[in-house]
């Protein structure tokens, strides 16, 4: 039987490998995700309108509608004439890339820890493909499936969501391969 303590190295290394792979995909290969977001054609006017509304950080829906108002003709007209969407606002100020990267690395560690916990069902010296599939499938769920509900419910472009699913599949392969490589007793 394998203990969680025996899996500290694949947990940490798979998180580090995924962190660096994501850096390559997002910062070095800029063509891959560079077109995910778009600018408003009237960005200055939109920003001025948001500032005038004194909106703080958070998620805003336009048009905002409570479920009981969905059938109201005035609300249906707002949906028909548009715009329809979600706007996510952060606190004003300089972007703190270090905080984002630290949170992303913590998430990578959490995913690797959960993958290790899933793999605990495997015996010492388990075949590499069993370890790869167990840890890799756990990582696939964590890294690749999240963008799909965002596209369904929040309007994230499907093209962008599919690119993030592909990223997640790459991260899953990296995680599964790291665990298979460093599995105790192999």
Protein backbone atom coordinates (compact mmCIF):
# COMPACT_ATOMS: atom_id res chain seq x y z
CA UNK A 1 0.00 0.00 0.00
CA UNK A 2 1.21 3.49 -0.86
CA UNK A 3 0.94 6.37 1.60
CA UNK A 4 0.38 10.02 0.76
CA UNK A 5 3.76 10.85 2.31
CA UNK A 6 5.43 8.66 -0.33
CA UNK A 7 3.87 10.78 -3.06
CA UNK A 8 5.21 14.18 -2.02
CA UNK A 9 7.73 14.26 -4.90
CA UNK A 10 5.23 13.55 -7.72
CA UNK A 11 2.80 15.99 -6.11
CA UNK A 12 5.31 18.84 -6.06
CA UNK A 13 7.01 18.05 -9.38
CA UNK A 14 3.77 17.61 -11.32
CA UNK A 15 2.59 21.00 -9.99
CA UNK A 16 5.91 22.59 -11.01
CA UNK A 17 5.82 20.97 -14.48
CA UNK A 18 2.22 22.10 -15.07
CA UNK A 19 3.08 25.60 -13.84
CA UNK A 20 5.92 25.87 -16.37
CA UNK A 21 3.85 24.32 -19.18
CA UNK A 22 1.10 26.87 -18.56
CA UNK A 23 3.67 29.65 -18.61
CA UNK A 24 4.86 28.45 -22.01
CA UNK A 25 1.32 28.28 -23.36
CA UNK A 26 0.28 31.69 -22.05
CA UNK A 27 3.42 33.79 -22.13
CA UNK A 28 5.76 32.32 -24.73
CA UNK A 29 3.26 31.00 -27.28
CA UNK A 30 1.20 34.19 -27.26
CA UNK A 31 -0.57 33.25 -30.49
CA UNK A 32 -2.37 30.44 -28.64
CA UNK A 33 -4.40 32.54 -26.17
CA UNK A 34 -3.66 36.02 -27.50
CA UNK A 35 -7.03 36.31 -29.23
CA UNK A 36 -9.18 35.01 -26.35
CA UNK A 37 -10.33 38.46 -25.22
CA UNK A 38 -11.42 41.42 -27.28
CA UNK A 39 -11.43 45.16 -26.72
CA UNK A 40 -14.60 47.24 -26.85
CA UNK A 41 -14.54 49.50 -29.91
CA UNK A 42 -15.48 52.31 -27.51
CA UNK A 43 -13.40 51.17 -24.52
CA UNK A 44 -12.95 54.65 -23.07
CA UNK A 45 -16.70 55.32 -23.12
CA UNK A 46 -17.48 51.91 -21.58
CA UNK A 47 -14.88 52.46 -18.83
CA UNK A 48 -16.27 55.93 -18.15
CA UNK A 49 -19.81 54.51 -17.87
CA UNK A 50 -18.65 51.83 -15.43
CA UNK A 51 -16.75 54.41 -13.35
CA UNK A 52 -19.83 56.66 -13.36
CA UNK A 53 -21.89 53.77 -11.99
CA UNK A 54 -19.39 53.47 -9.11
CA UNK A 55 -19.29 49.68 -9.47
CA UNK A 56 -16.84 47.85 -7.23
CA UNK A 57 -15.06 44.60 -7.95
CA UNK A 58 -17.42 41.75 -8.73
CA UNK A 59 -19.50 40.09 -11.40
CA UNK A 60 -22.23 42.10 -13.09
CA UNK A 61 -24.94 40.79 -15.39
CA UNK A 62 -26.52 42.87 -18.14
CA UNK A 63 -29.42 42.96 -18.16
CA UNK A 64 -29.72 42.03 -14.51
CA UNK A 65 -32.82 39.92 -14.06
CA UNK A 66 -34.27 38.01 -11.13
CA UNK A 67 -35.91 34.70 -12.13
CA UNK A 68 -39.42 35.93 -11.33
CA UNK A 69 -38.98 38.84 -13.79
CA UNK A 70 -38.00 36.68 -16.79
CA UNK A 71 -41.49 36.78 -18.31
CA UNK A 72 -41.96 40.52 -17.85
CA UNK A 73 -42.29 42.06 -21.35
CA UNK A 74 -39.98 44.97 -20.42
CA UNK A 75 -37.29 42.48 -19.34
CA UNK A 76 -37.76 40.37 -22.46
CA UNK A 77 -37.30 43.55 -24.50
CA UNK A 78 -34.01 44.27 -22.71
CA UNK A 79 -32.79 40.76 -23.60
CA UNK A 80 -33.96 41.14 -27.21
CA UNK A 81 -32.33 44.50 -27.78
CA UNK A 82 -29.10 43.58 -25.90
CA UNK A 83 -26.40 43.69 -24.87
CA UNK A 84 -26.61 40.42 -22.94
CA UNK A 85 -23.60 39.34 -20.95
CA UNK A 86 -21.50 39.24 -17.84
CA UNK A 87 -18.80 41.73 -16.90
CA UNK A 88 -16.16 40.83 -14.34
CA UNK A 89 -14.41 43.71 -12.59
CA UNK A 90 -11.28 43.59 -10.43
CA UNK A 91 -10.17 46.18 -7.92
CA UNK A 92 -8.60 49.18 -9.69
CA UNK A 93 -4.83 49.37 -9.60
CA UNK A 94 -1.80 47.81 -11.17
CA UNK A 95 -2.07 44.14 -12.07
CA UNK A 96 -0.28 41.99 -9.50
CA UNK A 97 0.96 39.14 -11.65
CA UNK A 98 2.83 37.65 -8.68
CA UNK A 99 -0.40 37.14 -6.75
CA UNK A 100 -2.08 35.50 -9.76
CA UNK A 101 0.89 33.18 -10.31
CA UNK A 102 1.04 32.24 -6.62
CA UNK A 103 -2.68 31.37 -6.64
CA UNK A 104 -2.26 29.37 -9.86
CA UNK A 105 0.67 27.42 -8.37
CA UNK A 106 -1.36 26.74 -5.21
CA UNK A 107 -4.16 25.41 -7.42
CA UNK A 108 -1.67 23.20 -9.30
CA UNK A 109 -0.48 21.80 -5.96
CA UNK A 110 -4.08 21.18 -4.88
CA UNK A 111 -4.86 19.34 -8.11
CA UNK A 112 -1.73 17.21 -7.73
CA UNK A 113 -2.62 16.46 -4.11
CA UNK A 114 -6.12 15.32 -5.10
CA UNK A 115 -4.65 13.22 -7.92
CA UNK A 116 -2.32 11.60 -5.38
CA UNK A 117 -5.29 10.88 -3.10
CA UNK A 118 -7.13 9.25 -6.02
CA UNK A 119 -4.06 7.19 -6.86
CA UNK A 120 -3.81 5.84 -3.31
CA UNK A 121 -6.12 3.02 -4.41
CA UNK A 122 -3.23 1.67 -6.48
CA UNK A 123 -0.70 -0.72 -4.93
CA UNK A 124 3.01 -0.22 -4.50
CA UNK A 125 4.68 -1.00 -7.84
CA UNK A 126 1.44 -0.59 -9.82
CA UNK A 127 1.84 -0.70 -13.61
CA UNK A 128 2.78 2.66 -15.08
CA UNK A 129 -0.31 2.85 -17.28
CA UNK A 130 -2.61 2.38 -14.26
CA UNK A 131 -0.87 5.19 -12.40
CA UNK A 132 -0.87 7.39 -15.51
CA UNK A 133 -4.59 6.85 -16.12
CA UNK A 134 -5.64 7.35 -12.50
CA UNK A 135 -3.65 10.52 -11.85
CA UNK A 136 -4.13 11.81 -15.39
CA UNK A 137 -7.91 11.42 -15.37
CA UNK A 138 -8.13 13.24 -12.04
CA UNK A 139 -6.03 16.06 -13.46
CA UNK A 140 -8.12 16.11 -16.64
CA UNK A 141 -11.26 16.70 -14.60
CA UNK A 142 -9.62 19.52 -12.67
CA UNK A 143 -7.82 21.30 -15.49
CA UNK A 144 -9.92 20.66 -18.61
CA UNK A 145 -13.57 20.57 -17.56
CA UNK A 146 -13.95 23.98 -15.88
CA UNK A 147 -13.97 26.03 -19.09
CA UNK A 148 -17.00 24.16 -20.45
CA UNK A 149 -19.53 25.43 -17.87
CA UNK A 150 -18.03 28.92 -18.29
CA UNK A 151 -18.82 28.77 -22.01
CA UNK A 152 -22.31 27.38 -21.37
CA UNK A 153 -23.39 29.73 -18.58
CA UNK A 154 -21.20 32.84 -18.77
CA UNK A 155 -20.75 33.31 -22.48
CA UNK A 156 -17.04 32.63 -22.69
CA UNK A 157 -16.32 32.05 -26.38
CA UNK A 158 -16.34 28.36 -27.30
CA UNK A 159 -13.12 28.78 -29.28
CA UNK A 160 -11.38 30.03 -26.14
CA UNK A 161 -12.98 27.32 -23.99
CA UNK A 162 -11.75 24.59 -26.36
CA UNK A 163 -8.22 25.99 -26.21
CA UNK A 164 -8.37 25.84 -22.41
CA UNK A 165 -9.66 22.25 -22.61
CA UNK A 166 -6.64 21.40 -24.78
CA UNK A 167 -4.39 23.12 -22.23
CA UNK A 168 -6.05 21.03 -19.51
CA UNK A 169 -5.45 17.83 -21.46
CA UNK A 170 -1.75 18.76 -21.77
CA UNK A 171 -1.59 19.42 -18.01
CA UNK A 172 -3.31 16.07 -17.36
CA UNK A 173 -0.76 14.21 -19.47
CA UNK A 174 2.06 15.97 -17.60
CA UNK A 175 0.51 15.11 -14.23
CA UNK A 176 -0.19 11.48 -15.15
CA UNK A 177 3.29 11.01 -16.62
CA UNK A 178 4.96 12.53 -13.55
CA UNK A 179 3.07 10.22 -11.20
CA UNK A 180 3.78 7.17 -13.40
CA UNK A 181 7.48 8.07 -13.55
CA UNK A 182 7.84 8.56 -9.76
CA UNK A 183 5.38 5.93 -8.49
CA UNK A 184 6.88 4.09 -5.49
CA UNK A 185 8.08 0.57 -6.12
CA UNK A 186 8.07 0.95 -9.89
